[in-house]
Every structure is written in C-alpha cells, then in structure tokens.
C-alpha cells in the first residue's frame, strides 16, 4: 500500500473501530511510548543490554508498525500529506547532503 493509502485506511479505521482520534497531545505521548518500545528491543538485540524474562517475546516489526500507525494518526490530525512531506524531505536532504556523506571519513570503512 502507498503512504496515501495507509493514511486513508487508518483514518477509516479510526473513525469506525477506534471511534475517534485521541487528541494530538495524547497521540504524541503514545508515539513517544511506542518509540521507547522499539528502543528497548534494539538496545537488547543489537546493543549491550540483555533481555529481561518479560522482554523475550518481542516483535520488532510489530513495534515499528505501532510507531508508524501513531505517526500516521498525527499526520492525519494535523493535515500533513506524508507522501508530499517525505518527497520534500528527501529533496532537501539530497541538496544538503550531496557530497557531505561521501566526504565523511567516519563513514569510510
């Protein structure tokens, strides 16, 4: 599905199954919580922390999907077209970083 289709699908889901959007501040708090859950898994799987017994059953893909879901909710609530925003952001990065990363000695292996 495209980003636009995801925005539309989530909007339909929210307005039927979810009843209504949580307010923007609540969704921002939820987004922060979901990003924290991704961070917990990454710190344990790829970092130096160890898993606690209750952390053993994790699903990184599902946690990423939770982050994306809430981010799309916030975009819908604030009138942001994520397809357009991402395209503009990539254009900005391309212009700004045209040679920056190629010249970064820290990135050369």
Protein backbone atom coordinates (compact mmCIF):
# COMPACT_ATOMS: atom_id res chain seq x y z
CA UNK A 1 0.00 0.00 0.00
CA UNK A 2 1.14 3.55 -0.61
CA UNK A 3 1.61 6.08 2.16
CA UNK A 4 -1.54 7.87 0.97
CA UNK A 5 -3.49 4.61 1.09
CA UNK A 6 -2.17 3.97 4.60
CA UNK A 7 -3.30 7.42 5.71
CA UNK A 8 -6.75 6.79 4.25
CA UNK A 9 -7.02 3.26 5.69
CA UNK A 10 -6.03 4.38 9.17
CA UNK A 11 -8.44 7.31 9.01
CA UNK A 12 -11.27 4.91 8.12
CA UNK A 13 -10.25 2.54 10.92
CA UNK A 14 -10.06 5.34 13.49
CA UNK A 15 -13.49 6.68 12.54
CA UNK A 16 -15.14 3.26 12.70
CA UNK A 17 -13.35 0.88 15.05
CA UNK A 18 -11.44 3.49 17.01
CA UNK A 19 -14.49 5.79 17.33
CA UNK A 20 -12.35 8.95 17.07
CA UNK A 21 -8.75 10.14 17.19
CA UNK A 22 -7.16 10.69 20.58
CA UNK A 23 -6.13 14.33 20.83
CA UNK A 24 -2.77 15.36 19.42
CA UNK A 25 -1.04 15.56 22.81
CA UNK A 26 -2.24 12.08 23.76
CA UNK A 27 -1.06 10.70 20.42
CA UNK A 28 2.31 12.42 20.87
CA UNK A 29 2.69 10.70 24.24
CA UNK A 30 1.67 7.38 22.69
CA UNK A 31 4.18 7.88 19.85
CA UNK A 32 6.92 8.51 22.40
CA UNK A 33 5.93 5.35 24.26
CA UNK A 34 5.97 3.28 21.06
CA UNK A 35 9.39 4.64 20.03
CA UNK A 36 10.59 3.67 23.51
CA UNK A 37 9.43 0.11 22.91
CA UNK A 38 11.42 0.00 19.66
CA UNK A 39 14.44 1.40 21.51
CA UNK A 40 14.12 -1.26 24.23
CA UNK A 41 14.22 -4.08 21.69
CA UNK A 42 17.10 -2.57 19.70
CA UNK A 43 19.15 -1.91 22.85
CA UNK A 44 18.78 -5.55 23.82
CA UNK A 45 19.05 -7.24 20.43
CA UNK A 46 21.77 -5.08 18.86
CA UNK A 47 23.15 -3.20 21.85
CA UNK A 48 24.77 -4.23 25.08
CA UNK A 49 21.70 -4.64 27.27
CA UNK A 50 20.34 -8.10 27.98
CA UNK A 51 16.74 -9.21 27.68
CA UNK A 52 14.66 -9.48 30.83
CA UNK A 53 12.37 -12.53 31.00
CA UNK A 54 9.33 -10.40 30.07
CA UNK A 55 11.24 -8.96 27.06
CA UNK A 56 11.88 -12.35 25.44
CA UNK A 57 8.69 -12.30 23.39
CA UNK A 58 9.25 -9.25 21.24
CA UNK A 59 8.21 -8.44 17.72
CA UNK A 60 10.29 -5.60 16.29
CA UNK A 61 8.20 -5.42 13.12
CA UNK A 62 5.02 -5.02 15.17
CA UNK A 63 6.62 -2.26 17.26
CA UNK A 64 7.72 -0.43 14.09
CA UNK A 65 4.13 -0.76 12.83
CA UNK A 66 2.85 0.74 16.10
CA UNK A 67 5.15 3.74 15.61
CA UNK A 68 4.02 4.15 12.01
CA UNK A 69 0.34 3.85 12.97
CA UNK A 70 0.53 6.63 15.57
CA UNK A 71 2.69 8.81 13.31
CA UNK A 72 0.08 8.48 10.58
CA UNK A 73 -2.66 9.35 13.08
CA UNK A 74 -0.80 12.54 13.98
CA UNK A 75 -0.27 13.39 10.32
CA UNK A 76 -3.96 12.88 9.61
CA UNK A 77 -4.97 15.01 12.57
CA UNK A 78 -2.68 17.87 11.60
CA UNK A 79 -3.41 17.78 7.87
CA UNK A 80 0.01 16.55 6.77
CA UNK A 81 0.24 14.64 3.50
CA UNK A 82 3.08 12.27 4.37
CA UNK A 83 3.81 11.41 0.73
CA UNK A 84 4.35 15.07 -0.09
CA UNK A 85 6.26 15.68 3.14
CA UNK A 86 8.60 12.73 2.56
CA UNK A 87 9.27 13.76 -1.04
CA UNK A 88 10.13 17.32 0.05
CA UNK A 89 12.30 16.00 2.87
CA UNK A 90 14.26 13.73 0.51
CA UNK A 91 14.78 16.64 -1.90
CA UNK A 92 16.09 18.77 0.98
CA UNK A 93 18.45 16.02 2.14
CA UNK A 94 19.68 15.38 -1.40
CA UNK A 95 20.57 19.03 -1.91
CA UNK A 96 22.06 19.49 1.55
CA UNK A 97 24.00 16.24 1.67
CA UNK A 98 25.00 15.86 -2.00
CA UNK A 99 28.67 15.28 -1.11
CA UNK A 100 28.67 15.58 2.66
CA UNK A 101 28.44 11.85 3.41
CA UNK A 102 30.85 10.82 0.66
CA UNK A 103 33.44 13.16 2.21
CA UNK A 104 32.87 11.96 5.76
CA UNK A 105 35.94 9.98 6.82
CA UNK A 106 33.96 8.40 9.66
CA UNK A 107 31.72 6.63 7.14
CA UNK A 108 34.56 5.09 5.14
CA UNK A 109 35.40 1.56 6.19
